[in-house]
N, C-alpha and C. Protein backbone atom coordinates (compact mmCIF):
# COMPACT_ATOMS: atom_id res chain seq x y z
N ALA A 1 -12.11 -16.13 16.41
CA ALA A 1 -11.56 -17.34 15.73
C ALA A 1 -10.14 -17.26 15.28
N ASP A 2 -9.44 -18.69 15.22
CA ASP A 2 -8.47 -19.33 14.86
C ASP A 2 -7.96 -19.14 13.51
N ARG A 3 -9.49 -19.51 12.81
CA ARG A 3 -9.67 -19.59 11.48
C ARG A 3 -10.58 -18.63 10.45
N VAL A 4 -10.39 -18.04 9.02
CA VAL A 4 -11.01 -17.62 9.16
C VAL A 4 -11.61 -17.78 7.50
N VAL A 5 -12.86 -17.60 6.89
CA VAL A 5 -12.75 -17.85 5.57
C VAL A 5 -13.60 -16.64 4.32
N VAL A 6 -12.97 -16.43 3.91
CA VAL A 6 -13.33 -15.28 3.13
C VAL A 6 -13.85 -15.71 1.98
N MET A 7 -14.88 -15.32 2.15
CA MET A 7 -15.93 -15.75 0.26
C MET A 7 -16.62 -14.56 -0.38
N ASN A 8 -16.32 -14.62 -1.71
CA ASN A 8 -16.48 -13.55 -2.81
C ASN A 8 -18.01 -14.40 -3.88
N HIS A 9 -19.04 -13.90 -3.59
CA HIS A 9 -19.60 -14.13 -4.65
C HIS A 9 -20.24 -15.79 -4.54
N GLY A 10 -19.79 -16.22 -3.28
CA GLY A 10 -20.71 -17.77 -2.89
C GLY A 10 -18.82 -18.22 -3.41
N LEU A 11 -17.77 -17.89 -3.26
CA LEU A 11 -16.82 -18.84 -3.76
C LEU A 11 -16.02 -18.57 -2.95
N ILE A 12 -14.71 -19.28 -2.11
CA ILE A 12 -13.93 -19.43 -1.03
C ILE A 12 -12.65 -18.53 -2.19
N GLU A 13 -12.66 -17.34 -1.34
CA GLU A 13 -11.14 -17.08 -2.30
C GLU A 13 -9.99 -17.12 -0.82
N GLN A 14 -9.93 -17.17 -0.04
CA GLN A 14 -8.72 -17.67 0.93
C GLN A 14 -9.24 -18.55 2.81
N VAL A 15 -9.09 -19.36 3.10
CA VAL A 15 -8.90 -20.10 4.06
C VAL A 15 -7.73 -19.79 4.87
N GLY A 16 -7.34 -19.27 6.14
CA GLY A 16 -6.65 -18.98 7.27
C GLY A 16 -6.36 -18.17 8.32
N PRO A 17 -5.61 -18.42 9.36
CA PRO A 17 -5.83 -17.36 10.15
C PRO A 17 -5.81 -16.08 10.06
N PRO A 18 -6.99 -15.20 10.98
CA PRO A 18 -6.83 -13.67 10.40
C PRO A 18 -5.36 -12.73 10.25
N GLN A 19 -4.73 -12.77 10.84
CA GLN A 19 -3.11 -12.48 11.07
C GLN A 19 -2.21 -13.12 9.59
N GLU A 20 -3.22 -14.46 9.17
CA GLU A 20 -2.23 -14.27 7.74
C GLU A 20 -3.20 -13.93 6.94
N LEU A 21 -4.60 -13.86 6.67
CA LEU A 21 -5.27 -13.68 5.96
C LEU A 21 -4.83 -11.49 6.03
N TYR A 22 -4.47 -10.96 6.78
CA TYR A 22 -4.00 -9.95 6.56
C TYR A 22 -2.39 -9.37 5.87
N HIS A 23 -1.59 -10.20 6.87
CA HIS A 23 -0.47 -10.07 6.48
C HIS A 23 0.42 -10.76 5.28
N ASN A 24 -0.56 -11.81 4.03
CA ASN A 24 -0.73 -12.36 3.21
C ASN A 24 -2.00 -12.41 2.29
N PRO A 25 -2.78 -11.99 2.15
CA PRO A 25 -3.88 -11.82 1.67
C PRO A 25 -3.78 -12.64 -0.47
N ALA A 26 -4.46 -13.87 -0.42
CA ALA A 26 -4.32 -14.38 -1.51
C ALA A 26 -5.20 -13.60 -2.97
N THR A 27 -5.92 -12.89 -2.83
CA THR A 27 -6.76 -12.21 -3.88
C THR A 27 -6.36 -10.03 -3.55
N ARG A 28 -6.48 -9.87 -4.24
CA ARG A 28 -7.15 -8.42 -4.23
C ARG A 28 -8.13 -8.68 -3.57
N PHE A 29 -9.32 -9.20 -4.00
CA PHE A 29 -10.89 -9.27 -2.82
C PHE A 29 -10.16 -8.78 -1.37
N VAL A 30 -9.25 -10.03 -0.59
CA VAL A 30 -9.49 -10.71 0.28
C VAL A 30 -8.34 -9.13 1.04
N ALA A 31 -7.54 -8.91 -0.13
CA ALA A 31 -7.10 -7.72 0.80
C ALA A 31 -7.19 -7.12 1.01
N GLY A 32 -8.72 -6.31 0.55
CA GLY A 32 -9.32 -4.64 0.54
C GLY A 32 -9.83 -5.29 1.67
N PHE A 33 -11.18 -6.52 1.84
CA PHE A 33 -11.85 -7.42 2.89
C PHE A 33 -10.77 -6.82 3.95
N ILE A 34 -10.24 -7.61 4.30
CA ILE A 34 -9.84 -7.38 5.86
C ILE A 34 -8.77 -5.99 5.90
N GLY A 35 -9.17 -5.57 7.79
CA GLY A 35 -8.51 -4.40 7.30
C GLY A 35 -9.49 -3.28 7.29
N SER A 36 -9.39 -2.74 8.75
CA SER A 36 -9.93 -1.52 8.34
C SER A 36 -9.41 0.28 8.82
N PRO A 37 -8.85 1.04 7.94
CA PRO A 37 -9.63 1.59 7.03
C PRO A 37 -8.98 0.66 5.94
N ALA A 38 -9.57 0.34 4.95
CA ALA A 38 -9.06 -0.81 3.46
C ALA A 38 -7.86 -0.67 3.21
N MET A 39 -7.22 -1.00 2.25
CA MET A 39 -5.74 -1.60 2.03
C MET A 39 -6.26 -0.43 0.57
N ASN A 40 -5.09 0.52 0.61
CA ASN A 40 -5.09 0.89 -1.01
C ASN A 40 -4.85 0.18 -1.32
N PHE A 41 -5.30 0.58 -3.00
CA PHE A 41 -4.79 -0.19 -4.37
C PHE A 41 -4.55 1.35 -5.18
N LEU A 42 -3.13 1.14 -6.18
CA LEU A 42 -2.88 2.28 -6.95
C LEU A 42 -2.63 1.75 -8.15
N PRO A 43 -2.75 1.91 -9.47
CA PRO A 43 -2.19 1.50 -10.70
C PRO A 43 -0.56 1.86 -10.21
N CYS A 44 -0.13 0.89 -11.46
CA CYS A 44 1.14 1.10 -11.40
C CYS A 44 2.46 0.75 -11.74
N ARG A 45 3.22 1.24 -12.70
CA ARG A 45 4.70 -0.28 -13.32
C ARG A 45 5.66 -0.25 -12.88
N VAL A 46 5.95 -1.86 -13.37
CA VAL A 46 7.15 -2.13 -12.41
C VAL A 46 8.41 -1.64 -13.38
N GLU A 47 9.20 -1.01 -13.31
CA GLU A 47 10.50 -0.77 -13.50
C GLU A 47 11.69 -0.75 -13.52
N GLU A 48 12.80 -0.85 -13.57
CA GLU A 48 13.87 -0.54 -12.76
C GLU A 48 14.81 1.32 -12.89
N GLN A 49 15.26 0.31 -11.50
CA GLN A 49 15.37 2.47 -11.06
C GLN A 49 17.12 1.60 -10.37
N ASN A 50 18.02 2.43 -10.72
CA ASN A 50 19.25 2.14 -9.69
C ASN A 50 19.35 1.15 -9.35
N GLY A 51 19.50 0.12 -10.84
CA GLY A 51 20.03 -1.59 -10.60
C GLY A 51 19.29 -2.22 -9.26
N GLY A 52 17.91 -1.51 -9.04
CA GLY A 52 16.74 -2.37 -8.43
C GLY A 52 15.51 -1.93 -9.21
N LEU A 53 14.45 -2.57 -8.45
CA LEU A 53 13.10 -2.21 -9.53
C LEU A 53 11.98 -0.69 -8.41
N ALA A 54 11.22 -0.26 -9.09
CA ALA A 54 10.68 0.48 -8.31
C ALA A 54 9.14 0.90 -8.55
N VAL A 55 7.73 0.90 -8.42
CA VAL A 55 6.94 0.56 -8.74
C VAL A 55 6.46 1.99 -9.13
N ARG A 56 6.44 2.60 -10.66
CA ARG A 56 6.19 3.89 -11.19
C ARG A 56 4.55 3.91 -10.74
N LEU A 57 3.89 5.42 -10.33
CA LEU A 57 2.61 5.32 -9.52
C LEU A 57 1.99 6.83 -10.41
N THR A 58 3.25 7.86 -10.67
CA THR A 58 3.07 9.11 -11.86
C THR A 58 4.33 9.14 -12.01
N PRO A 59 4.40 9.75 -13.10
CA PRO A 59 5.26 9.91 -14.24
C PRO A 59 6.93 10.51 -13.17
N ASP A 60 6.29 11.38 -11.78
CA ASP A 60 6.88 12.04 -11.05
C ASP A 60 7.32 11.24 -9.82
N LEU A 61 6.43 10.23 -9.69
CA LEU A 61 6.66 9.62 -8.10
C LEU A 61 7.01 7.75 -8.80
N ALA A 62 8.42 7.68 -8.52
CA ALA A 62 8.23 6.01 -8.18
C ALA A 62 8.67 5.68 -6.60
N LEU A 63 8.50 4.48 -6.06
CA LEU A 63 9.06 3.72 -4.91
C LEU A 63 9.27 2.91 -5.36
N ALA A 64 10.78 3.31 -4.36
CA ALA A 64 11.71 1.74 -4.53
C ALA A 64 10.76 0.27 -4.19
N VAL A 65 11.44 -1.02 -4.90
CA VAL A 65 10.75 -1.64 -4.00
C VAL A 65 12.58 -2.21 -3.39
N PRO A 66 11.54 -3.21 -2.61
CA PRO A 66 13.03 -3.29 -0.93
C PRO A 66 13.19 -4.48 -1.66
N PRO A 67 15.31 -4.29 -1.68
CA PRO A 67 15.81 -5.47 -2.21
C PRO A 67 15.81 -6.43 -2.41
N GLN A 68 15.41 -7.19 -0.77
CA GLN A 68 14.76 -8.92 -1.01
C GLN A 68 12.93 -9.01 -1.41
N ARG A 69 13.05 -8.00 -2.13
CA ARG A 69 11.56 -8.41 -3.18
C ARG A 69 11.69 -8.28 -4.75
N THR A 70 13.53 -8.05 -5.11
CA THR A 70 13.39 -7.51 -6.23
C THR A 70 13.53 -9.20 -7.10
N ALA A 71 13.73 -9.91 -6.91
CA ALA A 71 14.02 -10.90 -7.69
C ALA A 71 12.28 -11.41 -8.14
N ARG A 72 11.82 -11.27 -7.21
CA ARG A 72 10.10 -11.81 -7.16
C ARG A 72 9.82 -10.99 -8.39
N TYR A 73 9.53 -9.59 -8.17
CA TYR A 73 9.23 -9.12 -8.39
C TYR A 73 9.65 -8.21 -10.39
N ALA A 74 11.75 -8.76 -10.54
CA ALA A 74 11.65 -8.50 -11.61
C ALA A 74 10.77 -9.27 -12.96
N PRO A 75 10.35 -10.59 -12.62
CA PRO A 75 9.60 -10.79 -13.92
C PRO A 75 7.94 -10.07 -14.83
N TYR A 76 7.89 -8.99 -13.67
CA TYR A 76 6.50 -7.83 -14.07
C TYR A 76 7.41 -6.32 -14.37
N LYS A 77 8.54 -6.56 -14.66
CA LYS A 77 9.36 -5.40 -15.21
C LYS A 77 8.72 -5.27 -16.51
N GLY A 78 7.92 -3.85 -16.98
CA GLY A 78 7.56 -3.45 -18.06
C GLY A 78 5.77 -3.56 -17.50
N LYS A 79 5.44 -3.85 -16.91
CA LYS A 79 3.87 -4.56 -17.02
C LYS A 79 3.63 -3.75 -15.67
N GLN A 80 2.03 -3.37 -16.82
CA GLN A 80 0.55 -2.43 -15.21
C GLN A 80 0.31 -3.37 -14.62
N MET A 81 0.70 -3.21 -13.80
CA MET A 81 0.42 -3.75 -11.76
C MET A 81 -0.39 -2.99 -11.11
N GLU A 82 -0.49 -3.34 -10.19
CA GLU A 82 -1.63 -2.65 -9.12
C GLU A 82 -0.63 -2.57 -7.89
N LEU A 83 -0.22 -1.75 -6.89
CA LEU A 83 0.52 -1.56 -5.48
C LEU A 83 -0.47 -1.41 -4.60
N GLY A 84 -0.36 -2.54 -3.82
CA GLY A 84 -1.40 -2.65 -2.54
C GLY A 84 -0.61 -1.92 -1.33
N ILE A 85 -0.84 -1.26 -0.75
CA ILE A 85 -0.29 -0.30 0.84
C ILE A 85 -1.57 -0.12 2.05
N ARG A 86 -1.49 -0.90 3.28
CA ARG A 86 -2.41 -0.79 3.69
C ARG A 86 -2.42 0.96 4.40
N PRO A 87 -3.33 1.52 4.67
CA PRO A 87 -3.09 3.04 5.76
C PRO A 87 -1.62 2.90 6.61
N GLU A 88 -1.54 1.75 7.47
CA GLU A 88 -0.75 1.90 8.54
C GLU A 88 0.85 2.17 8.23
N HIS A 89 0.62 1.50 7.18
CA HIS A 89 1.93 1.62 6.08
C HIS A 89 2.32 2.29 5.64
N CYS A 90 1.73 3.67 5.73
CA CYS A 90 1.88 5.02 5.08
C CYS A 90 1.98 5.93 6.45
N PHE A 91 2.69 6.99 6.80
CA PHE A 91 2.46 7.15 8.19
C PHE A 91 3.32 8.27 7.31
N GLU A 92 3.77 9.59 9.02
CA GLU A 92 4.03 10.94 8.85
C GLU A 92 6.05 10.25 8.53
N TYR A 93 6.45 11.33 7.90
CA TYR A 93 7.40 11.18 7.96
C TYR A 93 8.47 11.36 8.84
N HIS A 94 9.13 9.87 9.38
CA HIS A 94 10.10 10.27 10.60
C HIS A 94 11.84 9.47 8.93
N ASP A 95 12.83 10.14 10.04
CA ASP A 95 14.20 10.57 9.31
C ASP A 95 15.09 9.18 10.85
N ASN A 96 14.60 8.30 10.05
CA ASN A 96 14.99 6.87 10.69
C ASN A 96 15.58 5.16 9.99
N ARG A 97 15.27 6.43 8.72
CA ARG A 97 16.95 5.56 7.51
C ARG A 97 16.98 3.86 7.86
N LYS A 98 15.08 3.37 7.77
CA LYS A 98 15.18 2.17 7.80
C LYS A 98 15.00 1.29 6.59
N PRO A 99 15.57 0.32 6.59
CA PRO A 99 15.77 -0.91 4.96
C PRO A 99 14.08 -0.12 4.51
N GLY A 100 13.86 -0.42 3.08
CA GLY A 100 12.59 -0.52 2.81
C GLY A 100 11.67 0.39 2.93
N VAL A 101 11.91 1.44 3.49
CA VAL A 101 10.84 2.64 4.14
C VAL A 101 11.83 3.92 3.28
N THR A 102 10.68 4.10 2.50
CA THR A 102 10.94 5.38 1.63
C THR A 102 9.93 6.49 1.87
N THR A 103 9.97 7.59 0.76
CA THR A 103 9.20 9.29 1.08
C THR A 103 8.26 9.85 0.33
N MET A 104 7.18 9.82 0.12
CA MET A 104 6.65 10.83 -0.37
C MET A 104 5.92 12.28 -0.40
N ASN A 105 5.93 13.10 -0.85
CA ASN A 105 4.92 14.17 -0.23
C ASN A 105 2.97 13.98 -1.37
N ALA A 106 2.78 14.26 -0.37
CA ALA A 106 0.97 13.99 -0.14
C ALA A 106 0.55 15.74 -0.06
N LYS A 107 -0.60 15.96 -1.26
CA LYS A 107 -1.08 17.36 -1.25
C LYS A 107 -2.66 16.21 0.07
N VAL A 108 -2.75 17.01 1.18
CA VAL A 108 -3.83 16.80 1.84
C VAL A 108 -4.79 17.11 1.34
N ASP A 109 -5.84 16.16 1.06
CA ASP A 109 -7.58 16.64 0.82
C ASP A 109 -8.17 16.66 2.44
N VAL A 110 -8.67 15.31 2.73
CA VAL A 110 -8.80 15.11 3.66
C VAL A 110 -8.37 15.24 5.16
N VAL A 111 -8.70 15.67 6.43
CA VAL A 111 -7.89 15.20 7.70
C VAL A 111 -9.07 15.03 8.17
N GLU A 112 -8.68 13.52 8.92
CA GLU A 112 -10.08 12.93 9.91
C GLU A 112 -9.78 12.43 11.77
N PRO A 113 -9.79 13.44 12.10
CA PRO A 113 -9.44 12.85 13.97
C PRO A 113 -10.36 11.69 14.13
N MET A 114 -9.23 10.84 14.94
CA MET A 114 -10.37 9.24 15.49
C MET A 114 -10.02 8.84 16.28
N GLY A 115 -9.08 9.97 17.30
CA GLY A 115 -8.63 9.75 18.86
C GLY A 115 -7.37 9.95 18.75
N MET A 116 -7.37 8.32 18.73
CA MET A 116 -5.51 8.00 18.74
C MET A 116 -5.40 7.53 17.75
N GLU A 117 -5.34 7.86 16.60
CA GLU A 117 -4.63 8.46 14.99
C GLU A 117 -5.98 8.71 13.97
N THR A 118 -4.80 10.07 13.30
CA THR A 118 -5.65 10.20 12.11
C THR A 118 -5.42 9.75 11.02
N LEU A 119 -6.63 9.60 10.15
CA LEU A 119 -6.33 9.34 8.89
C LEU A 119 -6.75 10.23 8.04
N ILE A 120 -5.45 10.91 6.97
CA ILE A 120 -5.31 11.22 5.81
C ILE A 120 -6.04 10.84 4.49
N HIS A 121 -6.75 11.53 4.01
CA HIS A 121 -6.70 11.59 2.83
C HIS A 121 -6.13 12.36 1.12
N PHE A 122 -5.72 11.51 0.93
CA PHE A 122 -5.00 12.10 -0.69
C PHE A 122 -5.40 11.53 -1.86
N PHE A 123 -5.39 12.38 -2.65
CA PHE A 123 -4.87 11.44 -4.04
C PHE A 123 -3.53 11.23 -5.02
N ILE A 124 -3.09 9.82 -5.43
CA ILE A 124 -2.17 9.98 -6.30
C ILE A 124 -3.12 9.58 -7.81
N ASP A 125 -2.41 10.39 -8.68
CA ASP A 125 -3.05 10.59 -9.84
C ASP A 125 -4.83 10.51 -9.77
N GLY A 126 -5.14 10.80 -9.38
CA GLY A 126 -6.87 10.54 -9.19
C GLY A 126 -7.06 9.63 -8.43
N THR A 127 -6.58 8.74 -7.76
CA THR A 127 -7.05 7.01 -6.95
C THR A 127 -6.64 8.09 -5.44
N PRO A 128 -7.49 7.72 -4.75
CA PRO A 128 -7.88 8.22 -3.41
C PRO A 128 -6.85 6.97 -2.72
N VAL A 129 -6.51 7.93 -1.73
CA VAL A 129 -5.24 7.07 -0.58
C VAL A 129 -5.40 7.43 0.78
N CYS A 130 -5.40 6.62 1.38
CA CYS A 130 -5.32 7.22 3.21
C CYS A 130 -3.87 6.58 3.54
N ALA A 131 -3.86 7.74 4.66
CA ALA A 131 -2.62 7.43 5.45
C ALA A 131 -3.04 7.28 6.95
N ARG A 132 -2.49 6.55 7.79
CA ARG A 132 -2.33 6.20 9.37
C ARG A 132 -1.43 7.08 9.90
N VAL A 133 -2.26 8.40 10.78
CA VAL A 133 -0.55 9.50 11.35
C VAL A 133 -0.74 9.30 12.86
N ASP A 134 0.05 9.59 13.39
CA ASP A 134 -0.04 10.33 15.29
C ASP A 134 -1.00 11.79 14.45
N PRO A 135 -2.03 11.45 15.79
CA PRO A 135 -2.89 12.53 16.57
C PRO A 135 -2.15 13.92 16.18
N ALA A 136 -0.55 13.94 17.03
CA ALA A 136 -0.41 15.03 16.99
C ALA A 136 0.56 15.43 15.81
N THR A 137 0.46 15.16 14.41
CA THR A 137 0.66 15.28 13.57
C THR A 137 0.12 16.46 12.87
N HIS A 138 0.67 17.68 12.22
CA HIS A 138 0.36 18.65 11.62
C HIS A 138 -0.33 18.11 10.05
N ALA A 139 -1.49 18.71 10.23
CA ALA A 139 -1.72 18.15 8.45
C ALA A 139 -3.33 19.37 8.38
N ALA A 140 -3.17 19.94 7.60
CA ALA A 140 -4.32 20.59 7.15
C ALA A 140 -4.63 20.56 5.50
N PRO A 141 -6.28 20.06 5.21
CA PRO A 141 -6.64 20.19 3.55
C PRO A 141 -5.65 21.92 2.74
N GLU A 142 -5.14 21.09 1.98
CA GLU A 142 -4.06 22.18 0.71
C GLU A 142 -2.81 21.97 1.03
N GLU A 143 -2.36 21.38 2.01
CA GLU A 143 -1.37 21.77 2.17
C GLU A 143 -0.48 20.27 2.20
N MET A 144 0.94 20.24 1.69
CA MET A 144 1.27 19.62 1.56
C MET A 144 2.36 18.30 2.89
N LEU A 145 2.11 17.71 3.05
CA LEU A 145 2.40 16.48 4.24
C LEU A 145 3.50 15.37 3.78
N PRO A 146 4.77 15.43 4.10
CA PRO A 146 5.82 14.40 3.87
C PRO A 146 5.06 13.10 4.76
N LEU A 147 5.24 11.83 4.08
CA LEU A 147 4.80 10.88 5.02
C LEU A 147 6.23 9.49 4.10
N SER A 148 6.11 8.78 5.49
CA SER A 148 6.90 7.38 4.57
C SER A 148 5.80 6.15 4.37
N VAL A 149 6.60 5.64 3.35
CA VAL A 149 5.60 4.61 2.62
C VAL A 149 7.03 3.11 3.18
N ASP A 150 6.12 2.09 4.09
CA ASP A 150 6.34 0.92 4.18
C ASP A 150 6.36 -0.42 3.42
N MET A 151 7.99 0.01 2.14
CA MET A 151 7.50 -0.78 1.42
C MET A 151 8.02 -2.16 1.51
N ASN A 152 8.34 -2.38 2.95
CA ASN A 152 8.43 -3.77 3.02
C ASN A 152 6.79 -5.05 3.08
N GLN A 153 6.40 -3.99 3.43
CA GLN A 153 4.82 -4.43 3.57
C GLN A 153 3.94 -3.91 2.44
N MET A 154 3.99 -3.79 1.41
CA MET A 154 3.39 -3.72 -0.18
C MET A 154 3.13 -5.20 -0.86
N HIS A 155 1.66 -5.20 -1.64
CA HIS A 155 1.53 -5.84 -1.73
C HIS A 155 1.63 -6.04 -3.94
N LEU A 156 1.83 -6.44 -4.58
CA LEU A 156 1.51 -6.27 -6.51
C LEU A 156 0.70 -7.37 -6.48
N MET A 157 -0.28 -6.70 -7.07
CA MET A 157 -1.48 -7.36 -7.71
C MET A 157 -1.15 -7.16 -9.36
N ASP A 158 -1.40 -8.37 -10.14
CA ASP A 158 -1.66 -8.18 -11.50
C ASP A 158 -3.45 -8.19 -11.63
N PRO A 159 -3.19 -7.15 -12.26
CA PRO A 159 -4.91 -6.59 -12.54
C PRO A 159 -5.76 -7.92 -13.50
N ALA A 160 -5.13 -8.58 -14.37
CA ALA A 160 -5.52 -9.79 -15.01
C ALA A 160 -6.55 -10.83 -14.16
N ASN A 161 -5.67 -11.00 -13.29
CA ASN A 161 -6.11 -12.00 -12.03
C ASN A 161 -6.65 -11.83 -10.70
N ASN A 162 -6.50 -10.24 -10.45
CA ASN A 162 -6.51 -9.94 -9.06
C ASN A 162 -6.06 -10.56 -7.79
N GLY A 163 -5.07 -11.26 -9.00
CA GLY A 163 -4.01 -12.50 -7.83
C GLY A 163 -2.93 -11.33 -6.90
N ARG A 164 -2.95 -11.96 -5.81
CA ARG A 164 -0.98 -11.16 -5.19
C ARG A 164 -0.54 -11.68 -5.69
N VAL A 165 0.79 -10.81 -6.27
CA VAL A 165 1.92 -12.02 -6.76
C VAL A 165 2.51 -12.52 -5.71
N VAL A 166 3.22 -13.56 -5.39
CA VAL A 166 3.49 -13.91 -4.78
C VAL A 166 5.81 -14.11 -5.05
């Protein structure tokens, strides 16, 4: 199809080309509906960090917001929000220094080999998260795995209205 209509309880949430809905979902429902596995949703607080912004996920884990999104997200500083990140944008650590890509360590809960990819399941402050890694990546339950997170692909949503911040 060249256009998709996503409905939720009989109401239209978004209409558009499949790639537009995937990359620019209008609401949390569309973000979670499009893509497999579904987008990860993590409660966060937007805060100032090193002259820019970050999303704080836990007292020990904050992910830097790319500079090109700072002005757009600045009005949400200090506010409880929800970070949306797709599993394919959370992957095995690469030391490539690409702008907007940050790192974190994850304690592996479940390893799900899928052939051409492996899904790694872990928790951040009790919230389940899924990452998509190369099948050659060594990962085992209870081990710590360094991951890269492409924050250029992040979505910030206001839980008060389930809409994606634009």
